Amino acid sequence: MKIGIIGTGAIGGTIAKKMIDADHQVKVTNRGGFDELEKKANDFGAIPVSLIDVVKDVDVVILSIPTSAISDLPKNLFEECRQDLIIVDTSNYYPFRDGEIEELKAGKIESEWVSEQIGRPVIKAFNNLLAESLAHGNEKIAMAISGNDNNAKKIVSDLIKDAGFDFVDAGILSNSWRHQPGTPAYCRELNASELKEALENADQKTAPQIRDNAISDLMKFTTQPTHEEIVAYNRNLFA
């Protein structure tokens, strides 16, 4: 499968490596200079291209950039792309990083907002695990996936399996809030059964406050918290 990835950070870069290891053809781009992009792409085994070219002649585009950067994408980026192009949103909204986005602050579902910004349907996936979990996890850990196109979800679910993980279908895109930050499904390394229960137990009203409190708590660590400490913290939030 031909995949274009926008963003080569911790999540985007890891997904690129996983997809290449699974014999997919991967193009990548980022906001840095081309020399930096080329170096990263060579490390992954991917093809470095421009933003315009990363969405051309591919089956799937994966958006792996901060939420605040979504609205900076060209409004016509996907204008000439095939109609059945699958676009995957991996982003998570964090006001301390992304600033105040009024619609999201008012409770709009993150991936529905992303879809509106780019003018295309999206599938929400690859967002409920830490980058370290994504890099070193296994098939006992499940990812959540939401979207309105069942065929697109099937293809993305296969990519999740190619990355070495199990998956749980969380339903239509309007359900994707159930695996946003501040919910029991987020960054806790759950198996499929546990993840299904976590999705059911999510509380949309309390999630933003839990998210912000969690960031505040983690910032109080005197040293950078380890991956294990962050997972343990998130597990304890909903113990």
C-alpha atoms as a PDB file:
ATOM      1  CA  MET A   1       0.000   0.000   0.000  1.00  0.00           C
ATOM      2  CA  LYS A   2       1.174   3.552  -0.726  1.00  0.00           C
ATOM      3  CA  ILE A   3       1.151   5.781   2.338  1.00  0.00           C
ATOM      4  CA  GLY A   4       1.918   9.474   2.786  1.00  0.00           C
ATOM      5  CA  ILE A   5       2.743  10.765   6.266  1.00  0.00           C
ATOM      6  CA  ILE A   6       2.613  14.446   7.198  1.00  0.00           C
ATOM      7  CA  GLY A   7       4.845  14.874  10.240  1.00  0.00           C
ATOM      8  CA  THR A   8       8.011  13.007  11.212  1.00  0.00           C
ATOM      9  CA  GLY A   9       7.957  13.478  14.986  1.00  0.00           C
ATOM     10  CA  ALA A  10       7.706  10.792  17.633  1.00  0.00           C
ATOM     11  CA  ILE A  11       4.384   9.410  16.372  1.00  0.00           C
ATOM     12  CA  GLY A  12       4.721  10.060  12.636  1.00  0.00           C
ATOM     13  CA  GLY A  13       8.280   8.779  12.512  1.00  0.00           C
ATOM     14  CA  THR A  14       7.405   5.626  14.408  1.00  0.00           C
ATOM     15  CA  ILE A  15       4.410   4.930  12.171  1.00  0.00           C
ATOM     16  CA  ALA A  16       6.652   5.413   9.121  1.00  0.00           C
ATOM     17  CA  LYS A  17       9.126   2.830  10.422  1.00  0.00           C
ATOM     18  CA  LYS A  18       6.346   0.376  11.260  1.00  0.00           C
ATOM     19  CA  MET A  19       4.716   0.714   7.851  1.00  0.00           C
ATOM     20  CA  ILE A  20       8.023   0.304   6.015  1.00  0.00           C
ATOM     21  CA  ASP A  21       8.817  -2.790   8.078  1.00  0.00           C
ATOM     22  CA  ALA A  22       5.446  -4.145   6.916  1.00  0.00           C
ATOM     23  CA  ASP A  23       6.508  -3.620   3.265  1.00  0.00           C
ATOM     24  CA  HIS A  24       4.366  -0.564   2.553  1.00  0.00           C
ATOM     25  CA  GLN A  25       5.711   2.229   0.358  1.00  0.00           C
ATOM     26  CA  VAL A  26       5.970   5.380   2.488  1.00  0.00           C
ATOM     27  CA  LYS A  27       6.497   9.044   1.604  1.00  0.00           C
ATOM     28  CA  VAL A  28       7.055  11.588   4.389  1.00  0.00           C
ATOM     29  CA  THR A  29       7.138  15.339   4.773  1.00  0.00           C
ATOM     30  CA  ASN A  30       7.500  17.870   7.579  1.00  0.00           C
ATOM     31  CA  ARG A  31       7.752  21.608   8.152  1.00  0.00           C
ATOM     32  CA  GLY A  32      11.539  21.623   8.417  1.00  0.00           C
ATOM     33  CA  GLY A  33      14.107  22.172   5.688  1.00  0.00           C
ATOM     34  CA  PHE A  34      14.550  19.527   3.013  1.00  0.00           C
ATOM     35  CA  ASP A  35      18.016  18.498   4.272  1.00  0.00           C
ATOM     36  CA  GLU A  36      16.549  17.662   7.681  1.00  0.00           C
ATOM     37  CA  LEU A  37      13.613  15.864   6.063  1.00  0.00           C
ATOM     38  CA  GLU A  38      15.904  13.857   3.809  1.00  0.00           C
ATOM     39  CA  LYS A  39      18.017  12.744   6.772  1.00  0.00           C
ATOM     40  CA  LYS A  40      14.977  11.616   8.741  1.00  0.00           C
ATOM     41  CA  ALA A  41      13.459   9.886   5.733  1.00  0.00           C
ATOM     42  CA  ASN A  42      16.702   8.010   5.122  1.00  0.00           C
ATOM     43  CA  ASP A  43      16.707   6.881   8.758  1.00  0.00           C
ATOM     44  CA  PHE A  44      13.184   5.496   8.282  1.00  0.00           C
ATOM     45  CA  GLY A  45      13.725   4.118   4.801  1.00  0.00           C
ATOM     46  CA  ALA A  46      11.015   6.468   3.505  1.00  0.00           C
ATOM     47  CA  ILE A  47      10.889   8.810   0.503  1.00  0.00           C
ATOM     48  CA  PRO A  48      11.251  12.540   1.359  1.00  0.00           C
ATOM     49  CA  VAL A  49       8.830  14.745  -0.580  1.00  0.00           C
ATOM     50  CA  SER A  50       7.111  18.112  -0.426  1.00  0.00           C
ATOM     51  CA  LEU A  51       3.765  18.657   1.285  1.00  0.00           C
ATOM     52  CA  ILE A  52       2.007  18.828  -2.073  1.00  0.00           C
ATOM     53  CA  ASP A  53       3.600  15.589  -3.279  1.00  0.00           C
ATOM     54  CA  VAL A  54       3.019  13.593  -0.089  1.00  0.00           C
ATOM     55  CA  VAL A  55      -0.733  13.430  -0.749  1.00  0.00           C
ATOM     56  CA  LYS A  56      -0.386  12.483  -4.437  1.00  0.00           C
ATOM     57  CA  ASP A  57      -0.678   8.917  -5.748  1.00  0.00           C
ATOM     58  CA  VAL A  58      -1.173   7.340  -2.327  1.00  0.00           C
ATOM     59  CA  ASP A  59      -3.889   5.183  -0.786  1.00  0.00           C
ATOM     60  CA  VAL A  60      -3.656   6.590   2.743  1.00  0.00           C
ATOM     61  CA  VAL A  61      -2.476   9.900   4.214  1.00  0.00           C
ATOM     62  CA  ILE A  62      -1.624   9.983   7.910  1.00  0.00           C
ATOM     63  CA  LEU A  63      -1.756  13.362   9.651  1.00  0.00           C
ATOM     64  CA  SER A  64       0.734  13.313  12.509  1.00  0.00           C
ATOM     65  CA  ILE A  65       1.153  16.966  13.411  1.00  0.00           C
ATOM     66  CA  PRO A  66       0.034  19.021  16.428  1.00  0.00           C
ATOM     67  CA  THR A  67      -3.635  19.979  16.403  1.00  0.00           C
ATOM     68  CA  SER A  68      -2.699  23.652  16.106  1.00  0.00           C
ATOM     69  CA  ALA A  69      -0.873  22.920  12.830  1.00  0.00           C
ATOM     70  CA  ILE A  70      -3.930  21.366  11.166  1.00  0.00           C
ATOM     71  CA  SER A  71      -5.469  24.728  10.318  1.00  0.00           C
ATOM     72  CA  ASP A  72      -2.155  25.839   8.769  1.00  0.00           C
ATOM     73  CA  LEU A  73      -2.382  23.180   6.056  1.00  0.00           C
ATOM     74  CA  PRO A  74      -3.274  24.610   2.622  1.00  0.00           C
ATOM     75  CA  LYS A  75      -7.044  24.641   2.190  1.00  0.00           C
ATOM     76  CA  ASN A  76      -6.681  23.073  -1.245  1.00  0.00           C
ATOM     77  CA  LEU A  77      -4.181  20.393  -0.195  1.00  0.00           C
ATOM     78  CA  PHE A  78      -6.534  17.510  -0.970  1.00  0.00           C
ATOM     79  CA  GLU A  79      -8.438  19.228  -3.776  1.00  0.00           C
ATOM     80  CA  GLU A  80      -7.018  17.105  -6.596  1.00  0.00           C
ATOM     81  CA  CYS A  81      -6.642  13.886  -4.614  1.00  0.00           C
ATOM     82  CA  ARG A  82      -8.670  10.778  -5.356  1.00  0.00           C
ATOM     83  CA  GLN A  83     -12.091  10.775  -3.734  1.00  0.00           C
ATOM     84  CA  ASP A  84     -11.494   7.481  -1.936  1.00  0.00           C
ATOM     85  CA  LEU A  85      -8.245   8.672  -0.343  1.00  0.00           C
ATOM     86  CA  ILE A  86      -8.210   7.594   3.312  1.00  0.00           C
ATOM     87  CA  ILE A  87      -7.014  10.275   5.732  1.00  0.00           C
ATOM     88  CA  VAL A  88      -6.042   9.260   9.256  1.00  0.00           C
ATOM     89  CA  ASP A  89      -5.993  11.808  12.084  1.00  0.00           C
ATOM     90  CA  THR A  90      -3.598  10.889  14.897  1.00  0.00           C
ATOM     91  CA  SER A  91      -3.674  14.254  16.676  1.00  0.00           C
ATOM     92  CA  ASN A  92      -4.609  15.038  20.272  1.00  0.00           C
ATOM     93  CA  TYR A  93      -5.583  18.495  21.469  1.00  0.00           C
ATOM     94  CA  TYR A  94      -3.575  19.934  24.351  1.00  0.00           C
ATOM     95  CA  PRO A  95      -4.326  23.609  25.088  1.00  0.00           C
ATOM     96  CA  PHE A  96      -0.972  24.144  26.836  1.00  0.00           C
ATOM     97  CA  ARG A  97       0.760  23.245  23.543  1.00  0.00           C
ATOM     98  CA  ASP A  98      -1.811  24.123  20.874  1.00  0.00           C
ATOM     99  CA  GLY A  99      -3.262  27.251  22.421  1.00  0.00           C
ATOM    100  CA  GLU A 100      -6.965  27.879  22.903  1.00  0.00           C
ATOM    101  CA  ILE A 101      -8.990  26.640  19.936  1.00  0.00           C
ATOM    102  CA  GLU A 102     -12.425  28.004  20.739  1.00  0.00           C
ATOM    103  CA  GLU A 103     -14.468  25.281  19.030  1.00  0.00           C
ATOM    104  CA  LEU A 104     -12.549  22.525  20.800  1.00  0.00           C
ATOM    105  CA  LYS A 105     -12.670  24.410  24.086  1.00  0.00           C
ATOM    106  CA  ALA A 106     -16.466  24.545  23.648  1.00  0.00           C
ATOM    107  CA  GLY A 107     -16.589  20.763  23.320  1.00  0.00           C
ATOM    108  CA  LYS A 108     -16.388  20.074  19.589  1.00  0.00           C
ATOM    109  CA  ILE A 109     -15.003  16.622  18.896  1.00  0.00           C
ATOM    110  CA  GLU A 110     -11.394  16.938  17.834  1.00  0.00           C
ATOM    111  CA  SER A 111     -11.429  14.787  14.702  1.00  0.00           C
ATOM    112  CA  GLU A 112     -14.679  16.301  13.472  1.00  0.00           C
ATOM    113  CA  TRP A 113     -12.944  19.676  13.728  1.00  0.00           C
ATOM    114  CA  VAL A 114      -9.929  18.275  11.833  1.00  0.00           C
ATOM    115  CA  SER A 115     -12.244  16.967   9.110  1.00  0.00           C
ATOM    116  CA  GLU A 116     -13.799  20.408   8.732  1.00  0.00           C
ATOM    117  CA  GLN A 117     -10.401  22.092   8.527  1.00  0.00           C
ATOM    118  CA  ILE A 118      -9.149  19.903   5.678  1.00  0.00           C
ATOM    119  CA  GLY A 119     -12.498  19.466   3.919  1.00  0.00           C
ATOM    120  CA  ARG A 120     -12.292  15.667   3.890  1.00  0.00           C
ATOM    121  CA  PRO A 121     -13.596  12.775   6.013  1.00  0.00           C
ATOM    122  CA  VAL A 122     -11.063  11.336   8.445  1.00  0.00           C
ATOM    123  CA  ILE A 123     -10.503   8.177  10.428  1.00  0.00           C
ATOM    124  CA  LYS A 124      -9.283   8.670  14.011  1.00  0.00           C
ATOM    125  CA  ALA A 125      -6.552   6.183  14.908  1.00  0.00           C
ATOM    126  CA  PHE A 126      -3.021   5.849  16.315  1.00  0.00           C
ATOM    127  CA  ASN A 127      -3.835   8.490  18.952  1.00  0.00           C
ATOM    128  CA  ASN A 128      -4.447   6.585  22.182  1.00  0.00           C
ATOM    129  CA  LEU A 129      -0.912   5.276  22.725  1.00  0.00           C
ATOM    130  CA  LEU A 130       2.324   6.995  23.689  1.00  0.00           C
ATOM    131  CA  ALA A 131       5.069   7.035  21.050  1.00  0.00           C
ATOM    132  CA  GLU A 132       7.132   4.649  23.169  1.00  0.00           C
ATOM    133  CA  SER A 133       4.201   2.263  23.376  1.00  0.00           C
ATOM    134  CA  LEU A 134       3.796   2.480  19.613  1.00  0.00           C
ATOM    135  CA  ALA A 135       7.482   1.774  19.070  1.00  0.00           C
ATOM    136  CA  HIS A 136       7.819  -1.174  21.422  1.00  0.00           C
ATOM    137  CA  GLY A 137       4.309  -2.516  22.050  1.00  0.00           C
ATOM    138  CA  ASN A 138       2.823  -5.815  20.984  1.00  0.00           C
ATOM    139  CA  GLU A 139      -0.389  -7.467  19.815  1.00  0.00           C
ATOM    140  CA  LYS A 140      -1.676  -7.642  23.405  1.00  0.00           C
ATOM    141  CA  ILE A 141      -2.060  -3.847  23.362  1.00  0.00           C
ATOM    142  CA  ALA A 142      -5.057  -2.457  21.466  1.00  0.00           C
ATOM    143  CA  MET A 143      -5.615   0.799  19.615  1.00  0.00           C
ATOM    144  CA  ALA A 144      -8.987   2.502  19.226  1.00  0.00           C
ATOM    145  CA  ILE A 145     -10.303   3.479  15.807  1.00  0.00           C
ATOM    146  CA  SER A 146     -13.307   5.653  14.911  1.00  0.00           C
ATOM    147  CA  GLY A 147     -14.807   6.729  11.610  1.00  0.00           C
ATOM    148  CA  ASN A 148     -17.874   6.818   9.409  1.00  0.00           C
ATOM    149  CA  ASP A 149     -16.540   4.740   6.498  1.00  0.00           C
ATOM    150  CA  ASN A 150     -16.429   1.048   7.372  1.00  0.00           C
ATOM    151  CA  ASN A 151     -14.259   0.146   4.382  1.00  0.00           C
ATOM    152  CA  ALA A 152     -11.735   2.835   5.321  1.00  0.00           C
ATOM    153  CA  LYS A 153     -11.758   1.616   8.922  1.00  0.00           C
ATOM    154  CA  LYS A 154     -11.067  -1.925   7.731  1.00  0.00           C
ATOM    155  CA  ILE A 155      -8.009  -0.743   5.797  1.00  0.00           C
ATOM    156  CA  VAL A 156      -6.722   1.340   8.725  1.00  0.00           C
ATOM    157  CA  SER A 157      -7.370  -1.575  11.096  1.00  0.00           C
ATOM    158  CA  ASP A 158      -5.156  -3.711   8.867  1.00  0.00           C
ATOM    159  CA  LEU A 159      -2.427  -1.050   9.131  1.00  0.00           C
ATOM    160  CA  ILE A 160      -2.782  -1.155  12.920  1.00  0.00           C
ATOM    161  CA  LYS A 161      -2.274  -4.920  12.782  1.00  0.00           C
ATOM    162  CA  ASP A 162       0.709  -4.397  10.476  1.00  0.00           C
ATOM    163  CA  ALA A 163       2.150  -2.133  13.172  1.00  0.00           C
ATOM    164  CA  GLY A 164       1.888  -5.075  15.572  1.00  0.00           C
ATOM    165  CA  PHE A 165      -1.204  -4.155  17.589  1.00  0.00           C
ATOM    166  CA  ASP A 166      -4.739  -5.313  18.217  1.00  0.00           C
ATOM    167  CA  PHE A 167      -7.568  -2.842  17.642  1.00  0.00           C
ATOM    168  CA  VAL A 168     -11.041  -1.955  18.878  1.00  0.00           C
ATOM    169  CA  ASP A 169     -13.644  -0.273  16.684  1.00  0.00           C
ATOM    170  CA  ALA A 170     -15.039   2.612  18.759  1.00  0.00           C
ATOM    171  CA  GLY A 171     -17.772   3.369  16.224  1.00  0.00           C
ATOM    172  CA  ILE A 172     -18.504   6.447  14.145  1.00  0.00           C
ATOM    173  CA  LEU A 173     -16.319   9.552  14.185  1.00  0.00           C
ATOM    174  CA  SER A 174     -18.555  11.323  16.695  1.00  0.00           C
ATOM    175  CA  ASN A 175     -17.513   8.603  19.167  1.00  0.00           C
ATOM    176  CA  SER A 176     -13.828   9.447  18.810  1.00  0.00           C
ATOM    177  CA  TRP A 177     -13.988  11.639  21.902  1.00  0.00           C
ATOM    178  CA  ARG A 178     -13.990   8.345  23.808  1.00  0.00           C
ATOM    179  CA  HIS A 179     -10.278   7.924  23.055  1.00  0.00           C
ATOM    180  CA  GLN A 180      -9.226  11.561  23.350  1.00  0.00           C
ATOM    181  CA  PRO A 181      -6.947  12.714  26.222  1.00  0.00           C
ATOM    182  CA  GLY A 182      -8.569  12.598  29.641  1.00  0.00           C
ATOM    183  CA  THR A 183     -10.465   9.364  29.018  1.00  0.00           C
ATOM    184  CA  PRO A 184      -9.814   5.846  30.373  1.00  0.00           C
ATOM    185  CA  ALA A 185      -8.781   4.664  26.881  1.00  0.00           C
ATOM    186  CA  TYR A 186      -5.893   7.108  26.629  1.00  0.00           C
ATOM    187  CA  CYS A 187      -2.256   6.012  27.003  1.00  0.00           C
ATOM    188  CA  ARG A 188      -2.851   3.116  29.410  1.00  0.00           C
ATOM    189  CA  GLU A 189      -1.646   0.167  27.272  1.00  0.00           C
ATOM    190  CA  LEU A 190      -4.886  -1.826  27.495  1.00  0.00           C
ATOM    191  CA  ASN A 191      -5.756  -5.090  25.793  1.00  0.00           C
ATOM    192  CA  ALA A 192      -8.839  -5.273  23.568  1.00  0.00           C
ATOM    193  CA  SER A 193     -11.210  -6.314  26.339  1.00  0.00           C
ATOM    194  CA  GLU A 194      -9.937  -3.612  28.688  1.00  0.00           C
ATOM    195  CA  LEU A 195     -10.061  -1.002  25.940  1.00  0.00           C
ATOM    196  CA  LYS A 196     -13.693  -1.804  25.107  1.00  0.00           C
ATOM    197  CA  GLU A 197     -14.612  -1.290  28.758  1.00  0.00           C
ATOM    198  CA  ALA A 198     -12.570   1.922  28.909  1.00  0.00           C
ATOM    199  CA  LEU A 199     -14.354   3.323  25.853  1.00  0.00           C
ATOM    200  CA  GLU A 200     -17.728   2.566  27.416  1.00  0.00           C
ATOM    201  CA  ASN A 201     -16.722   4.217  30.711  1.00  0.00           C
ATOM    202  CA  ALA A 202     -15.537   7.488  29.150  1.00  0.00           C
ATOM    203  CA  ASP A 203     -17.098  10.716  30.432  1.00  0.00           C
ATOM    204  CA  GLN A 204     -17.143  13.508  27.882  1.00  0.00           C
ATOM    205  CA  LYS A 205     -17.808  16.252  30.442  1.00  0.00           C
ATOM    206  CA  THR A 206     -14.914  15.450  32.775  1.00  0.00           C
ATOM    207  CA  ALA A 207     -12.298  14.469  30.151  1.00  0.00           C
ATOM    208  CA  PRO A 208     -10.918  17.994  29.434  1.00  0.00           C
ATOM    209  CA  GLN A 209     -10.361  18.712  33.130  1.00  0.00           C
ATOM    210  CA  ILE A 210      -8.731  15.316  33.689  1.00  0.00           C
ATOM    211  CA  ARG A 211      -6.489  15.985  30.672  1.00  0.00           C
ATOM    212  CA  ASP A 212      -5.390  19.384  31.981  1.00  0.00           C
ATOM    213  CA  ASN A 213      -4.882  18.105  35.532  1.00  0.00           C
ATOM    214  CA  ALA A 214      -2.761  15.234  34.226  1.00  0.00           C
ATOM    215  CA  ILE A 215      -0.472  17.612  32.343  1.00  0.00           C
ATOM    216  CA  SER A 216      -0.158  19.797  35.432  1.00  0.00           C
ATOM    217  CA  ASP A 217       0.752  16.781  37.579  1.00  0.00           C
ATOM    218  CA  LEU A 218       3.298  15.411  35.117  1.00  0.00           C
ATOM    219  CA  MET A 219       4.949  18.824  34.838  1.00  0.00           C
ATOM    220  CA  LYS A 220       5.566  18.745  38.594  1.00  0.00           C
ATOM    221  CA  PHE A 221       8.026  15.860  38.208  1.00  0.00           C
ATOM    222  CA  THR A 222      11.512  17.123  39.084  1.00  0.00           C
ATOM    223  CA  THR A 223      12.937  15.048  36.226  1.00  0.00           C
ATOM    224  CA  GLN A 224      11.415  14.047  32.904  1.00  0.00           C
ATOM    225  CA  PRO A 225       8.952  11.235  33.722  1.00  0.00           C
ATOM    226  CA  THR A 226       9.797   7.921  32.132  1.00  0.00           C
ATOM    227  CA  HIS A 227       7.485   6.088  29.782  1.00  0.00           C
ATOM    228  CA  GLU A 228       6.681   3.616  32.554  1.00  0.00           C
ATOM    229  CA  GLU A 229       5.860   6.436  34.984  1.00  0.00           C
ATOM    230  CA  ILE A 230       3.499   8.090  32.497  1.00  0.00           C
ATOM    231  CA  VAL A 231       1.679   4.830  31.765  1.00  0.00           C
ATOM    232  CA  ALA A 232       1.417   4.090  35.497  1.00  0.00           C
ATOM    233  CA  TYR A 233       0.098   7.595  36.158  1.00  0.00           C
ATOM    234  CA  ASN A 234      -2.574   7.235  33.462  1.00  0.00           C
ATOM    235  CA  ARG A 235      -3.550   3.797  34.751  1.00  0.00           C
ATOM    236  CA  ASN A 236      -3.941   5.147  38.279  1.00  0.00           C
ATOM    237  CA  LEU A 237      -6.223   7.949  37.071  1.00  0.00           C
ATOM    238  CA  PHE A 238      -8.927   5.371  36.378  1.00  0.00           C
ATOM    239  CA  ALA A 239      -7.898   2.544  38.691  1.00  0.00           C
END
